[in-house]
Structures are given as C-alpha cells and as structure tokens.
Amino acid sequence: MAMLDVKNLSISFGGLKAVDDFSITIEKGQLYGLIGPNGAGKTTIFNLLTGVYKPDGGRILLDGKDITGHKAIQINQAGIARTFQNIRLFKELSVLDNVKVGLHNHHKYSTLSGILRLPSYYKVEKEMDERAMELLKVFDLDKEFDYKASNLPYGKQRKLEIARALATEPKLLLLDEPAAGMNPNETAELMKTIRFVRDHFDMTVLLIEHDMKLVSGICERLTVLNFGHMLAEGPTSEVLSNPEVIKAYLGE
C-alpha cells in the first residue's frame, strides 16, 4: 500500500485553476521530489495535503486512510508534518521548547493539572524533556538545548525545524525548499540529514526544491508541475533529462 495516494486533486482561486487534476503515488520509505517553476502550484499542493486548503475535487489517501478535506490538526495527527520555505520557529523559545511544541500531539495533561502543577503535569513534562533531548541528540543539537532558537546558525535552524516536525511522529514528512538560503556546504550537510531522517526514522519524504544538485542527489522519483498541471513523472534521472522539463523548468 502506498504511503500517499493522491488522485485528481484540483483547486481554483477566483476562477483561476491553481492545481488541475494532480495525481501522485509515493511508496513507503521513498524520497520523492516535487519540482517546477515559481508559481507552478507546488506550495498549493503542500497546503492541500496539510489541510490549509480544502480541494475542489479529488482525494487524498494517507497510508490507506482518506484525509481529503480534513482540518490541519487532524491531518497532522493522522501522520503528515511539514517544514516551510521561510523557517517558522518560535524564535524566542529555547531549542528544547521548540521541539516540545511538536510533542504535545502525543504527550498531554489537563489544563487544571498544568495550572496547579499536579504530579501528572510534571510526569508529562519530564517525558517530553527526555524525548525532545533524544531528538536533539539525533541532529547534534543537544548541546544547544537551552539556546534561543534565533541564536542558532541558519543551517541548524533548518535542522531544528525538521526535529520539531518529527516530534509529531509523522508517517510522511513534507519539506518545503529545505535548502533555501543555504550555502553549498550547508546544502551538502542537509542532504546527509534528509537521508538520515529517512533511514533512521523509517520516514517517507516529499520535498519541494529548486536546488537541482540536492534534488538529483537524494530524490528517487520526481513529479514536475507547470502552471498547476503535471508535466512529467518518473525516476529522477529520466525526468531531469526530459526535453519538456528542460524547456519549461530548467530554461535551457
């Protein structure tokens, strides 16, 4: 069974078809890329998959479960987490507390317990601290656990955002232009991180990216969008050598 199975997804804004009849199938454990020119509809698809937008048509199945039109919190709890092109950390919170935000899906206490600081509150907080530190250690961020998130270098902020997404225990991780703003050394480190996440967490990954070195280096399959329509789909090397893709996307 596919981890993600999307059929005939469509949405319009003000009469303009932003995504038209989009379909994609991603198998469990795949590293899959979604590419295309600016304005092609890639982020709109991420917003449809995560419940920010409700589709006008089509369906979305996650691990066999129909999540079409569900609310964002329901979709996150079902197993989809994402990062953003513009990093969205809680900059004034500590590195540890940023990860703990993601843990609240699975570690909960009552409002009363939190206000009165009852034993159940301290028990859950201890569990979250321990789990957050485990995740930070995976990304070599445990020594900076008490830093403000804003004080981390850019590349480590990207890692922290991925760690926070993983704290929600997703089945499918969506990465929205993870290499944006990175230098070549940071991008090379990011490639290692994404591969490690897939292997260590048994994760399925779908990413949007403009950095072709990263895309060709880690993605096993690609789908190319152009003006909301699918232009090509298949193994990465075949798609990147497709003349239509080169003309529409690479501009050669």
Protein backbone atom coordinates (compact mmCIF):
# COMPACT_ATOMS: atom_id res chain seq x y z
CA MET A 1 0.00 0.00 0.00
CA ALA A 2 1.27 3.46 -0.92
CA MET A 3 2.06 5.90 1.90
CA LEU A 4 0.48 8.74 -0.10
CA ASP A 5 -2.01 8.27 -2.90
CA VAL A 6 -3.42 11.46 -4.43
CA LYS A 7 -5.96 11.26 -7.24
CA ASN A 8 -7.21 14.09 -9.49
CA LEU A 9 -6.64 16.88 -6.97
CA SER A 10 -7.87 20.32 -8.05
CA ILE A 11 -8.38 23.77 -6.57
CA SER A 12 -9.22 27.20 -8.01
CA PHE A 13 -8.81 30.69 -6.64
CA GLY A 14 -11.04 33.39 -8.11
CA GLY A 15 -11.73 31.29 -11.16
CA LEU A 16 -8.03 30.56 -11.77
CA LYS A 17 -7.14 26.86 -11.66
CA ALA A 18 -4.12 26.74 -9.34
CA VAL A 19 -3.90 22.93 -9.35
CA ASP A 20 -5.62 20.88 -12.02
CA ASP A 21 -6.13 17.11 -11.92
CA PHE A 22 -2.98 16.40 -9.90
CA SER A 23 -2.16 12.80 -9.02
CA ILE A 24 0.82 11.30 -7.24
CA THR A 25 1.68 7.98 -5.59
CA ILE A 26 4.53 7.77 -3.07
CA GLU A 27 5.58 4.43 -1.66
CA LYS A 28 6.55 3.96 1.97
CA GLY A 29 10.18 4.96 2.56
CA GLN A 30 10.63 6.89 -0.68
CA LEU A 31 12.48 10.17 -1.06
CA TYR A 32 10.26 11.94 -3.59
CA GLY A 33 10.69 15.37 -5.19
CA LEU A 34 8.07 17.84 -6.43
CA ILE A 35 9.65 20.45 -8.69
CA GLY A 36 8.60 23.17 -11.08
CA PRO A 37 8.95 26.90 -11.81
CA ASN A 38 7.85 29.54 -9.32
CA GLY A 39 4.05 29.75 -9.36
CA ALA A 40 3.65 26.20 -10.68
CA GLY A 41 1.43 25.20 -7.74
CA LYS A 42 3.88 23.25 -5.57
CA THR A 43 3.21 25.04 -2.27
CA THR A 44 -0.52 24.98 -3.03
CA ILE A 45 -0.29 21.18 -3.18
CA PHE A 46 1.51 21.13 0.18
CA ASN A 47 -1.28 23.32 1.58
CA LEU A 48 -3.88 20.89 0.22
CA LEU A 49 -2.05 17.89 1.69
CA THR A 50 -1.81 19.53 5.12
CA GLY A 51 -5.35 20.90 5.35
CA VAL A 52 -4.56 24.60 4.90
CA TYR A 53 -6.79 24.49 1.80
CA LYS A 54 -9.70 22.19 1.01
CA PRO A 55 -9.65 20.79 -2.53
CA ASP A 56 -12.43 21.46 -5.02
CA GLY A 57 -12.06 17.92 -6.28
CA GLY A 58 -10.02 14.75 -5.93
CA ARG A 59 -8.97 12.68 -2.95
CA ILE A 60 -6.00 12.26 -0.64
CA LEU A 61 -5.20 8.91 0.97
CA LEU A 62 -2.53 8.66 3.66
CA ASP A 63 -1.48 5.08 4.36
CA GLY A 64 -4.87 3.97 3.03
CA LYS A 65 -6.91 6.46 5.11
CA ASP A 66 -8.96 9.11 3.33
CA ILE A 67 -7.98 12.53 4.75
CA THR A 68 -9.49 14.66 1.99
CA GLY A 69 -10.78 17.97 3.35
CA HIS A 70 -9.80 17.23 6.95
CA LYS A 71 -8.64 20.04 9.23
CA ALA A 72 -4.92 20.74 9.57
CA ILE A 73 -4.71 19.43 13.15
CA GLN A 74 -6.49 16.21 12.14
CA ILE A 75 -4.12 15.68 9.23
CA ASN A 76 -1.09 16.29 11.44
CA GLN A 77 -2.41 13.78 13.96
CA ALA A 78 -3.04 11.31 11.11
CA GLY A 79 0.64 11.50 10.23
CA ILE A 80 1.69 14.40 7.97
CA ALA A 81 4.18 17.00 9.19
CA ARG A 82 5.85 19.80 7.25
CA THR A 83 8.53 22.44 7.28
CA PHE A 84 8.37 25.79 5.48
CA GLN A 85 10.46 27.66 2.92
CA ASN A 86 10.71 30.54 5.39
CA ILE A 87 11.74 28.97 8.69
CA ARG A 88 8.90 29.16 11.20
CA LEU A 89 10.49 28.50 14.55
CA PHE A 90 9.42 30.10 17.80
CA LYS A 91 12.49 32.31 17.77
CA GLU A 92 12.26 33.47 21.41
CA LEU A 93 11.74 29.97 22.79
CA SER A 94 14.62 27.66 23.57
CA VAL A 95 15.74 24.94 21.18
CA LEU A 96 14.31 22.35 23.61
CA ASP A 97 10.93 24.09 23.89
CA ASN A 98 10.60 24.32 20.11
CA VAL A 99 10.77 20.54 19.89
CA LYS A 100 8.40 20.14 22.83
CA VAL A 101 5.78 22.11 20.90
CA GLY A 102 5.68 19.23 18.43
CA LEU A 103 5.39 16.65 21.20
CA HIS A 104 2.06 17.90 22.50
CA ASN A 105 0.21 15.72 19.97
CA HIS A 106 1.22 12.63 21.91
CA HIS A 107 2.00 13.91 25.44
CA LYS A 108 -0.92 15.65 27.11
CA TYR A 109 -2.09 16.80 30.51
CA SER A 110 -5.25 18.63 31.57
CA THR A 111 -5.46 22.41 31.87
CA LEU A 112 -6.12 22.04 35.59
CA SER A 113 -3.05 19.84 36.01
CA GLY A 114 -0.96 22.48 34.24
CA ILE A 115 -2.32 25.38 36.30
CA LEU A 116 -1.95 23.61 39.64
CA ARG A 117 1.29 21.88 38.70
CA LEU A 118 -0.10 18.49 39.73
CA PRO A 119 2.10 15.34 39.62
CA SER A 120 0.65 14.40 36.21
CA TYR A 121 1.95 17.71 34.81
CA TYR A 122 5.50 17.05 35.99
CA LYS A 123 5.34 13.45 34.74
CA VAL A 124 4.37 14.53 31.21
CA GLU A 125 6.87 17.41 31.19
CA LYS A 126 9.66 15.00 32.16
CA GLU A 127 8.65 12.61 29.39
CA MET A 128 8.64 15.44 26.85
CA ASP A 129 12.02 16.76 28.02
CA GLU A 130 13.54 13.31 27.62
CA ARG A 131 12.03 12.72 24.18
CA ALA A 132 12.97 16.21 22.98
CA MET A 133 16.57 15.70 24.07
CA GLU A 134 16.65 12.36 22.22
CA LEU A 135 15.58 14.11 19.02
CA LEU A 136 18.03 16.97 19.52
CA LYS A 137 20.86 14.49 20.01
CA VAL A 138 19.99 12.83 16.68
CA PHE A 139 20.51 16.20 14.97
CA ASP A 140 23.57 17.12 17.06
CA LEU A 141 21.64 19.97 18.71
CA ASP A 142 21.57 18.64 22.26
CA LYS A 143 24.44 20.86 23.40
CA GLU A 144 22.43 23.95 22.34
CA PHE A 145 19.18 22.82 24.00
CA ASP A 146 18.95 25.97 26.12
CA TYR A 147 19.85 28.43 23.34
CA LYS A 148 17.19 30.69 21.92
CA ALA A 149 16.21 29.29 18.53
CA SER A 150 17.07 32.64 16.96
CA ASN A 151 20.68 32.28 18.13
CA LEU A 152 21.32 29.11 16.13
CA PRO A 153 23.17 29.31 12.80
CA TYR A 154 20.89 29.12 9.77
CA GLY A 155 21.71 25.50 8.93
CA LYS A 156 20.98 24.40 12.49
CA GLN A 157 17.68 26.28 12.47
CA ARG A 158 16.72 24.14 9.47
CA LYS A 159 17.66 21.01 11.43
CA LEU A 160 15.64 22.20 14.41
CA GLU A 161 12.58 22.73 12.23
CA ILE A 162 12.89 19.17 10.94
CA ALA A 163 13.35 17.86 14.50
CA ARG A 164 10.19 19.69 15.61
CA ALA A 165 8.24 18.21 12.69
CA LEU A 166 9.47 14.73 13.59
CA ALA A 167 8.34 15.26 17.18
CA THR A 168 4.74 14.92 15.95
CA GLU A 169 5.63 11.32 14.93
CA PRO A 170 4.61 11.62 11.27
CA LYS A 171 4.42 8.94 8.61
CA LEU A 172 5.06 11.46 5.84
CA LEU A 173 7.40 14.45 6.12
CA LEU A 174 6.91 17.38 3.72
CA LEU A 175 9.96 19.62 3.26
CA ASP A 176 9.27 22.95 1.56
CA GLU A 177 12.51 24.18 -0.08
CA PRO A 178 14.74 23.00 2.78
CA ALA A 179 17.90 24.24 1.03
CA ALA A 180 16.60 27.80 0.53
CA GLY A 181 19.23 30.32 1.65
CA MET A 182 21.90 27.69 2.26
CA ASN A 183 25.49 27.76 1.05
CA PRO A 184 26.94 24.66 -0.71
CA ASN A 185 28.43 23.25 2.48
CA GLU A 186 25.13 23.62 4.34
CA THR A 187 23.28 22.01 1.42
CA ALA A 188 25.65 19.04 1.45
CA GLU A 189 25.04 18.64 5.19
CA LEU A 190 21.29 18.92 4.62
CA MET A 191 21.40 16.09 2.06
CA LYS A 192 23.02 13.85 4.68
CA THR A 193 20.39 14.91 7.22
CA ILE A 194 17.46 14.09 4.92
CA ARG A 195 18.87 10.67 4.06
CA PHE A 196 19.48 10.01 7.76
CA VAL A 197 15.90 11.03 8.63
CA ARG A 198 14.51 8.64 6.04
CA ASP A 199 16.67 5.74 7.21
CA HIS A 200 16.74 6.36 10.98
CA PHE A 201 13.04 7.17 11.38
CA ASP A 202 11.78 4.85 8.62
CA MET A 203 10.30 8.00 7.10
CA THR A 204 8.66 8.79 3.78
CA VAL A 205 9.75 12.20 2.49
CA LEU A 206 8.23 14.52 -0.13
CA LEU A 207 10.18 17.69 -0.83
CA ILE A 208 9.84 20.84 -2.91
CA GLU A 209 13.20 22.15 -4.00
CA HIS A 210 14.86 24.38 -6.61
CA ASP A 211 18.40 23.22 -5.88
CA MET A 212 18.90 20.63 -8.64
CA LYS A 213 22.07 19.29 -7.04
CA LEU A 214 20.09 18.35 -3.94
CA VAL A 215 17.16 17.02 -5.98
CA SER A 216 19.33 14.83 -8.21
CA GLY A 217 21.41 13.75 -5.22
CA ILE A 218 18.67 12.37 -2.98
CA CYS A 219 15.31 12.08 -4.78
CA GLU A 220 14.43 8.67 -6.18
CA ARG A 221 11.44 9.89 -8.20
CA LEU A 222 10.15 13.27 -9.32
CA THR A 223 6.93 14.91 -10.38
CA VAL A 224 7.22 18.16 -12.33
CA LEU A 225 4.49 20.81 -12.21
CA ASN A 226 3.94 23.63 -14.66
CA PHE A 227 1.04 26.09 -14.29
CA GLY A 228 -0.82 23.69 -11.99
CA HIS A 229 -0.54 20.77 -14.41
CA MET A 230 1.66 17.69 -14.20
CA LEU A 231 4.35 17.92 -16.85
CA ALA A 232 6.33 14.77 -16.11
CA GLU A 233 6.73 11.99 -13.56
CA GLY A 234 9.21 9.16 -13.10
CA PRO A 235 12.74 8.26 -11.96
CA THR A 236 14.80 11.36 -11.25
CA SER A 237 17.41 10.93 -13.97
CA GLU A 238 14.77 10.35 -16.64
CA VAL A 239 12.67 13.34 -15.59
CA LEU A 240 15.63 15.74 -15.46
CA SER A 241 16.67 14.73 -18.97
CA ASN A 242 13.13 15.12 -20.37
CA PRO A 243 13.26 17.85 -23.09
CA GLU A 244 9.91 19.30 -21.98
CA VAL A 245 11.14 19.58 -18.41
CA ILE A 246 14.38 21.21 -19.51
CA LYS A 247 12.48 23.73 -21.63
CA ALA A 248 9.80 24.57 -19.04
CA TYR A 249 11.79 24.39 -15.84
CA LEU A 250 15.50 24.50 -16.39
CA GLY A 251 15.20 27.15 -19.10
CA GLU A 252 17.71 25.53 -21.42
